[in-house]
């Protein structure tokens, strides 16, 4: 099977990029007999997973895909050399493809529809150009990251039916990692984009309140975004910016808890990445986190800064609670691997190809 991949996000290091990096590497590793060919526009340095052929273009991503959205050219399958059995779009984005080429589309969430106010004017224009519902109608198979996203797509009236909609949970790499001793876990950790839907304002308010009540743990923030200024100057907060995987692993290992007060999430990799280290999470009480972690986290109502402050104090001072939740979280992480994700995704691609 020859699989073309829209790999514009490959190596970008966040969100869709982390999903694409992990899934594509696992697919190529598990199915070396297939021909994996990925389009990466522009000239930025990119390291493709072993077993994946990369096609580059001189035109950068915005120019290439902006033209595709406006004029229906260039067609992605032709840029990839043609002869594709299936074309995989790892997220809704502006694109053009030949009508006869089967599409498989992954949808991570509906944030662009449910919370458009969280995005810049440019981002909203790009989402409009992507025409996500039209892509979903065109695709032979649509893959959702979670049952929560699947239910949301159907409830929102997307042009889908159960016969074309599959759920494939993303994964985390490796088995459980040796956890740092409890006494060496000194900080709270936020990992993600510093954007409105991630609950940055609530995080700032809650951390200030908890600090005023005696919270000693620093809050380390790994990520970038336009709301970074909301956390600057708060006593105990350290903004680290973008970090590489090795540094991120160190941050997880030394954390007493991950904090993710997001307002909307399609899956959420950081809680499971933390869980590999036996590190529990303080999370917004969203259906997707109940789906992936069960009771292996401390949940707070979305947007409730007071409840979040209480949870930060509890997780940083109650060693028994922390260890119990961390152990359960580690069990959950062991069930959701990239190998398992690749098996589900390959089945979806094969079905879309009609093979």
Protein backbone atom coordinates (compact mmCIF):
# COMPACT_ATOMS: atom_id res chain seq x y z
CA UNK A 1 0.00 0.00 0.00
CA UNK A 2 1.33 3.43 -0.94
CA UNK A 3 0.33 6.00 1.67
CA UNK A 4 0.75 9.71 1.06
CA UNK A 5 0.95 11.94 4.12
CA UNK A 6 0.37 15.66 4.53
CA UNK A 7 3.41 16.18 6.76
CA UNK A 8 3.47 19.98 6.88
CA UNK A 9 3.62 19.76 10.71
CA UNK A 10 6.43 17.20 10.89
CA UNK A 11 8.98 18.13 13.53
CA UNK A 12 7.19 21.31 14.64
CA UNK A 13 7.13 20.02 18.22
CA UNK A 14 3.62 20.73 19.52
CA UNK A 15 0.00 19.68 19.18
CA UNK A 16 -0.69 18.09 15.81
CA UNK A 17 3.07 17.83 15.21
CA UNK A 18 3.64 15.58 18.23
CA UNK A 19 0.76 13.38 17.13
CA UNK A 20 2.08 13.17 13.57
CA UNK A 21 5.66 12.47 14.69
CA UNK A 22 4.60 9.64 16.99
CA UNK A 23 1.98 8.08 14.73
CA UNK A 24 4.02 8.19 11.51
CA UNK A 25 7.08 6.70 13.19
CA UNK A 26 5.00 3.88 14.67
CA UNK A 27 3.24 3.20 11.36
CA UNK A 28 6.49 2.99 9.39
CA UNK A 29 8.06 0.80 12.08
CA UNK A 30 5.14 -1.61 12.20
CA UNK A 31 4.49 -1.75 8.45
CA UNK A 32 7.83 -1.51 6.60
CA UNK A 33 6.34 -3.21 3.55
CA UNK A 34 4.14 -0.20 2.85
CA UNK A 35 5.42 2.82 0.96
CA UNK A 36 5.22 5.85 3.26
CA UNK A 37 5.77 9.13 1.40
CA UNK A 38 5.37 12.47 3.19
CA UNK A 39 5.20 15.99 1.81
CA UNK A 40 7.10 18.60 3.84
CA UNK A 41 6.93 22.07 2.26
CA UNK A 42 9.66 24.66 2.52
CA UNK A 43 13.32 24.37 3.39
CA UNK A 44 13.34 23.97 7.17
CA UNK A 45 15.45 21.07 8.43
CA UNK A 46 13.28 18.03 9.15
CA UNK A 47 14.26 14.55 10.28
CA UNK A 48 11.76 12.00 9.02
CA UNK A 49 11.12 8.72 10.86
CA UNK A 50 13.00 5.71 9.48
CA UNK A 51 11.13 4.13 6.59
CA UNK A 52 9.45 7.38 5.49
CA UNK A 53 10.37 9.05 2.20
CA UNK A 54 10.12 12.83 2.27
CA UNK A 55 9.19 15.00 -0.69
CA UNK A 56 10.16 18.67 -0.32
CA UNK A 57 8.86 21.75 -2.13
CA UNK A 58 10.55 25.08 -2.63
CA UNK A 59 7.32 26.88 -1.76
CA UNK A 60 6.68 27.35 1.97
CA UNK A 61 3.62 25.87 3.62
CA UNK A 62 1.41 28.98 3.68
CA UNK A 63 2.03 29.79 0.02
CA UNK A 64 1.63 26.20 -1.15
CA UNK A 65 -1.54 25.38 0.77
CA UNK A 66 -3.00 28.87 0.45
CA UNK A 67 -2.88 28.43 -3.31
CA UNK A 68 -4.43 24.97 -2.97
CA UNK A 69 -7.32 26.41 -0.97
CA UNK A 70 -7.95 29.25 -3.41
CA UNK A 71 -7.35 27.55 -6.77
CA UNK A 72 -7.51 23.80 -6.13
CA UNK A 73 -3.86 23.52 -7.19
CA UNK A 74 -1.32 22.13 -6.61
CA UNK A 75 -2.83 18.77 -5.74
CA UNK A 76 -1.08 17.05 -2.87
CA UNK A 77 -1.22 13.57 -4.37
CA UNK A 78 0.53 14.79 -7.52
CA UNK A 79 3.24 16.52 -5.52
CA UNK A 80 3.82 13.14 -3.87
CA UNK A 81 4.36 11.47 -7.22
CA UNK A 82 0.91 9.98 -7.78
CA UNK A 83 -0.08 6.34 -7.57
CA UNK A 84 -1.32 6.67 -3.98
CA UNK A 85 -3.64 4.07 -2.52
CA UNK A 86 -4.69 6.52 0.17
CA UNK A 87 -3.85 10.06 1.27
CA UNK A 88 -3.75 10.71 5.02
CA UNK A 89 -4.50 14.19 6.33
CA UNK A 90 -3.40 14.21 10.02
CA UNK A 91 -5.57 17.28 10.72
CA UNK A 92 -8.06 19.47 8.87
CA UNK A 93 -6.06 22.07 6.94
CA UNK A 94 -6.23 23.82 3.56
CA UNK A 95 -5.37 21.28 0.90
CA UNK A 96 -6.22 20.12 -2.62
CA UNK A 97 -6.31 16.52 -3.82
CA UNK A 98 -7.42 14.72 -6.98
CA UNK A 99 -11.06 13.56 -6.74
CA UNK A 100 -10.24 9.90 -7.32
CA UNK A 101 -7.69 9.65 -4.48
CA UNK A 102 -9.16 8.13 -1.29
CA UNK A 103 -8.75 10.35 1.78
CA UNK A 104 -8.41 9.46 5.44
CA UNK A 105 -8.80 12.44 7.77
CA UNK A 106 -7.86 12.71 11.45
CA UNK A 107 -9.86 15.19 13.54
CA UNK A 108 -8.43 16.02 16.96
CA UNK A 109 -11.16 18.34 18.27
CA UNK A 110 -13.63 21.06 17.28
CA UNK A 111 -11.91 23.93 19.07
CA UNK A 112 -12.03 26.06 15.91
CA UNK A 113 -15.84 25.75 15.91
CA UNK A 114 -16.59 25.56 19.63
CA UNK A 115 -14.24 28.35 20.76
CA UNK A 116 -13.41 30.54 17.74
CA UNK A 117 -12.73 33.47 20.08
CA UNK A 118 -9.60 31.66 21.28
CA UNK A 119 -7.95 32.07 17.88
CA UNK A 120 -6.44 35.05 16.08
CA UNK A 121 -8.11 36.54 13.02
CA UNK A 122 -5.48 34.90 10.82
CA UNK A 123 -6.06 31.50 12.45
CA UNK A 124 -9.81 31.80 11.97
CA UNK A 125 -9.27 32.64 8.29
CA UNK A 126 -7.01 29.58 7.91
CA UNK A 127 -9.63 27.37 9.59
CA UNK A 128 -12.24 28.71 7.18
CA UNK A 129 -9.97 27.96 4.23
CA UNK A 130 -9.50 24.41 5.53
CA UNK A 131 -13.26 23.74 5.26
CA UNK A 132 -13.10 20.91 7.86
CA UNK A 133 -16.68 19.74 7.33
CA UNK A 134 -16.19 19.55 3.58
CA UNK A 135 -13.01 17.53 4.10
CA UNK A 136 -14.91 15.18 6.42
CA UNK A 137 -17.66 14.72 3.82
CA UNK A 138 -15.03 13.97 1.16
CA UNK A 139 -13.01 11.49 3.27
CA UNK A 140 -13.72 7.78 3.07
CA UNK A 141 -12.69 7.34 6.70
CA UNK A 142 -12.54 9.96 9.47
CA UNK A 143 -10.49 9.14 12.56
CA UNK A 144 -11.18 10.80 15.91
CA UNK A 145 -8.61 10.81 18.71
CA UNK A 146 -11.17 9.80 21.34
CA UNK A 147 -14.73 8.65 21.92
CA UNK A 148 -15.35 12.13 23.32
CA UNK A 149 -14.33 13.73 20.01
CA UNK A 150 -16.32 11.17 18.04
CA UNK A 151 -19.46 11.97 20.05
CA UNK A 152 -18.84 15.70 19.70
CA UNK A 153 -18.53 15.49 15.91
CA UNK A 154 -21.79 13.59 15.61
CA UNK A 155 -23.62 15.86 18.06
CA UNK A 156 -22.42 18.93 16.15
CA UNK A 157 -23.97 17.63 12.94
CA UNK A 158 -20.82 16.99 10.93
CA UNK A 159 -21.51 15.23 7.60
CA UNK A 160 -20.56 11.85 9.01
CA UNK A 161 -22.10 8.57 10.00
CA UNK A 162 -20.84 5.80 12.20
CA UNK A 163 -19.87 3.73 9.16
CA UNK A 164 -17.08 6.19 8.26
CA UNK A 165 -15.99 7.30 11.73
CA UNK A 166 -13.30 5.49 13.72
CA UNK A 167 -11.66 6.16 17.08
CA UNK A 168 -7.90 5.70 17.38
CA UNK A 169 -6.33 6.85 20.62
CA UNK A 170 -2.84 8.33 20.22
CA UNK A 171 -0.12 6.88 22.42
CA UNK A 172 2.99 7.49 24.44
CA UNK A 173 6.39 5.97 23.87
CA UNK A 174 8.00 3.24 25.91
CA UNK A 175 7.13 1.46 29.08
CA UNK A 176 7.04 2.98 32.54
CA UNK A 177 10.01 5.17 33.44
CA UNK A 178 11.74 4.96 36.79
CA UNK A 179 10.22 7.72 38.90
CA UNK A 180 12.26 10.15 40.92
CA UNK A 181 11.96 9.66 44.69
CA UNK A 182 9.05 11.56 46.15
CA UNK A 183 11.35 13.88 48.09
CA UNK A 184 13.07 14.97 44.86
CA UNK A 185 9.84 16.05 43.16
CA UNK A 186 9.93 19.75 43.72
CA UNK A 187 7.79 21.44 41.08
CA UNK A 188 4.41 21.60 39.41
CA UNK A 189 4.53 21.45 35.62
CA UNK A 190 2.45 22.86 32.77
CA UNK A 191 3.16 21.54 29.25
CA UNK A 192 1.40 22.97 26.24
CA UNK A 193 0.58 26.01 24.16
CA UNK A 194 0.03 29.23 26.10
CA UNK A 195 -3.29 29.87 24.41
CA UNK A 196 -6.76 30.79 25.73
CA UNK A 197 -8.35 27.34 25.59
CA UNK A 198 -5.56 25.90 27.75
CA UNK A 199 -6.91 27.83 30.76
CA UNK A 200 -3.87 30.08 31.20
CA UNK A 201 -5.84 32.80 32.99
CA UNK A 202 -7.29 30.29 35.47
CA UNK A 203 -3.84 28.81 35.99
CA UNK A 204 -2.38 32.22 36.82
CA UNK A 205 -5.19 33.08 39.24
CA UNK A 206 -5.16 29.68 40.93
CA UNK A 207 -1.39 29.56 41.35
CA UNK A 208 -1.32 33.04 42.90
CA UNK A 209 -4.08 32.04 45.33
CA UNK A 210 -2.37 28.77 46.27
CA UNK A 211 0.95 30.54 46.70
CA UNK A 212 -0.67 33.05 49.05
CA UNK A 213 -1.91 30.11 51.14
CA UNK A 214 1.54 28.58 51.51
CA UNK A 215 2.16 26.58 48.31
CA UNK A 216 5.91 26.13 48.09
CA UNK A 217 6.22 24.24 44.80
CA UNK A 218 7.38 26.25 41.81
CA UNK A 219 5.32 26.14 38.61
CA UNK A 220 7.48 25.38 35.58
CA UNK A 221 5.87 26.22 32.26
CA UNK A 222 7.09 24.41 29.12
CA UNK A 223 5.54 25.96 26.05
CA UNK A 224 5.08 29.13 24.05
CA UNK A 225 2.14 31.23 23.00
CA UNK A 226 0.60 34.66 23.01
CA UNK A 227 -0.61 34.40 26.63
CA UNK A 228 2.87 33.94 28.10
CA UNK A 229 2.61 37.45 29.53
CA UNK A 230 -0.26 36.38 31.81
CA UNK A 231 2.23 34.24 33.77
CA UNK A 232 5.22 36.59 33.75
CA UNK A 233 6.17 38.14 37.07
CA UNK A 234 4.18 35.72 39.24
CA UNK A 235 6.20 34.60 42.25
CA UNK A 236 7.21 30.97 41.82
CA UNK A 237 6.47 30.73 38.08
CA UNK A 238 9.30 29.99 35.65
CA UNK A 239 8.65 30.25 31.90
CA UNK A 240 10.92 27.81 30.06
CA UNK A 241 9.69 28.35 26.51
CA UNK A 242 9.95 25.47 24.05
CA UNK A 243 11.94 22.49 25.35
CA UNK A 244 13.28 19.42 23.56
CA UNK A 245 12.21 15.87 24.38
CA UNK A 246 15.19 15.15 26.62
CA UNK A 247 14.55 18.23 28.73
CA UNK A 248 10.83 17.50 28.82
CA UNK A 249 11.51 14.01 30.20
CA UNK A 250 13.61 15.59 32.96
CA UNK A 251 10.82 17.99 33.79
CA UNK A 252 8.28 15.18 34.03
CA UNK A 253 10.56 13.06 36.18
CA UNK A 254 11.07 15.86 38.68
CA UNK A 255 7.45 17.00 38.90
CA UNK A 256 5.09 16.36 41.76
CA UNK A 257 2.19 16.86 39.32
CA UNK A 258 1.26 18.02 35.83
CA UNK A 259 -1.32 20.81 35.74
CA UNK A 260 -3.60 21.19 32.69
CA UNK A 261 -6.70 23.37 33.29
CA UNK A 262 -7.75 23.30 29.64
CA UNK A 263 -11.25 24.33 28.58
CA UNK A 264 -11.43 21.92 25.63
CA UNK A 265 -9.32 18.94 24.65
CA UNK A 266 -9.56 16.27 21.97
CA UNK A 267 -7.08 13.95 23.64
CA UNK A 268 -4.18 15.50 25.54
CA UNK A 269 -0.78 13.78 25.43
CA UNK A 270 0.96 15.53 28.38
CA UNK A 271 -1.01 13.75 31.16
CA UNK A 272 -0.07 10.37 29.68
CA UNK A 273 3.55 11.41 29.14
CA UNK A 274 3.68 12.43 32.79
CA UNK A 275 1.99 9.18 33.79
CA UNK A 276 4.87 7.14 32.35
CA UNK A 277 6.98 8.71 35.09
CA UNK A 278 4.42 7.92 37.77
CA UNK A 279 3.49 11.60 37.91
CA UNK A 280 -0.20 12.39 38.53
CA UNK A 281 -2.12 15.24 36.92
CA UNK A 282 -4.49 17.99 38.00
CA UNK A 283 -6.94 18.25 35.10
CA UNK A 284 -10.12 19.95 34.03
CA UNK A 285 -12.96 17.50 34.39
CA UNK A 286 -13.48 16.81 30.69
CA UNK A 287 -14.94 13.62 29.18
CA UNK A 288 -11.72 12.84 27.29
CA UNK A 289 -9.61 12.76 30.46
CA UNK A 290 -12.09 10.45 32.16
CA UNK A 291 -11.87 8.29 29.03
CA UNK A 292 -8.07 8.04 28.99
CA UNK A 293 -7.16 8.24 32.68
CA UNK A 294 -10.27 7.11 34.49
CA UNK A 295 -9.94 8.13 38.12
CA UNK A 296 -6.15 8.42 37.87
CA UNK A 297 -6.08 12.21 38.22
CA UNK A 298 -7.34 15.03 40.40
CA UNK A 299 -10.20 16.66 38.51
CA UNK A 300 -11.54 20.22 38.84
CA UNK A 301 -14.44 21.95 37.07
CA UNK A 302 -13.25 23.78 33.94
CA UNK A 303 -12.74 27.46 34.58
CA UNK A 304 -12.95 27.18 38.38
CA UNK A 305 -9.77 28.87 39.63
CA UNK A 306 -10.75 28.38 43.27
CA UNK A 307 -11.09 24.62 42.88
CA UNK A 308 -7.84 24.53 40.95
CA UNK A 309 -6.01 26.33 43.77
CA UNK A 310 -7.36 23.77 46.26
CA UNK A 311 -6.19 20.93 44.02
CA UNK A 312 -2.69 22.40 43.66
CA UNK A 313 -2.34 22.59 47.43
CA UNK A 314 -3.66 19.04 47.87
CA UNK A 315 -1.47 17.40 45.22
CA UNK A 316 1.69 19.12 46.46
CA UNK A 317 1.19 18.33 50.15
CA UNK A 318 -0.63 14.98 50.30
CA UNK A 319 2.04 12.38 49.54
CA UNK A 320 -0.36 9.44 49.81
CA UNK A 321 -2.79 11.00 47.32
CA UNK A 322 0.03 11.83 44.93
CA UNK A 323 1.52 8.32 44.98
CA UNK A 324 -1.86 6.63 44.60
CA UNK A 325 -2.91 8.73 41.62
CA UNK A 326 0.54 8.41 40.06
CA UNK A 327 0.43 4.61 40.24
CA UNK A 328 -3.02 4.50 38.62
CA UNK A 329 -1.93 6.97 35.95
CA UNK A 330 1.08 4.82 35.09
CA UNK A 331 -1.24 1.84 34.54
CA UNK A 332 -3.39 3.94 32.20
CA UNK A 333 -0.35 5.07 30.21
CA UNK A 334 0.80 1.48 29.68
CA UNK A 335 -2.48 0.72 27.90
CA UNK A 336 -2.14 3.56 25.39
CA UNK A 337 0.99 2.97 23.32
CA UNK A 338 2.02 4.20 19.89
CA UNK A 339 2.18 0.56 18.73
CA UNK A 340 -1.48 0.14 19.60
CA UNK A 341 -2.30 3.48 17.96
CA UNK A 342 -0.50 2.49 14.77
CA UNK A 343 -2.46 -0.75 14.54
CA UNK A 344 -5.73 1.16 14.67
CA UNK A 345 -4.57 3.84 12.26
CA UNK A 346 -3.24 1.29 9.75
CA UNK A 347 -6.58 -0.50 9.80
CA UNK A 348 -8.32 2.81 9.08
CA UNK A 349 -5.93 3.62 6.21
CA UNK A 350 -6.36 0.15 4.73
CA UNK A 351 -10.12 0.51 4.91
CA UNK A 352 -10.00 3.94 3.27
CA UNK A 353 -7.83 2.53 0.48
CA UNK A 354 -10.31 -0.24 -0.09
CA UNK A 355 -7.51 -2.78 0.27
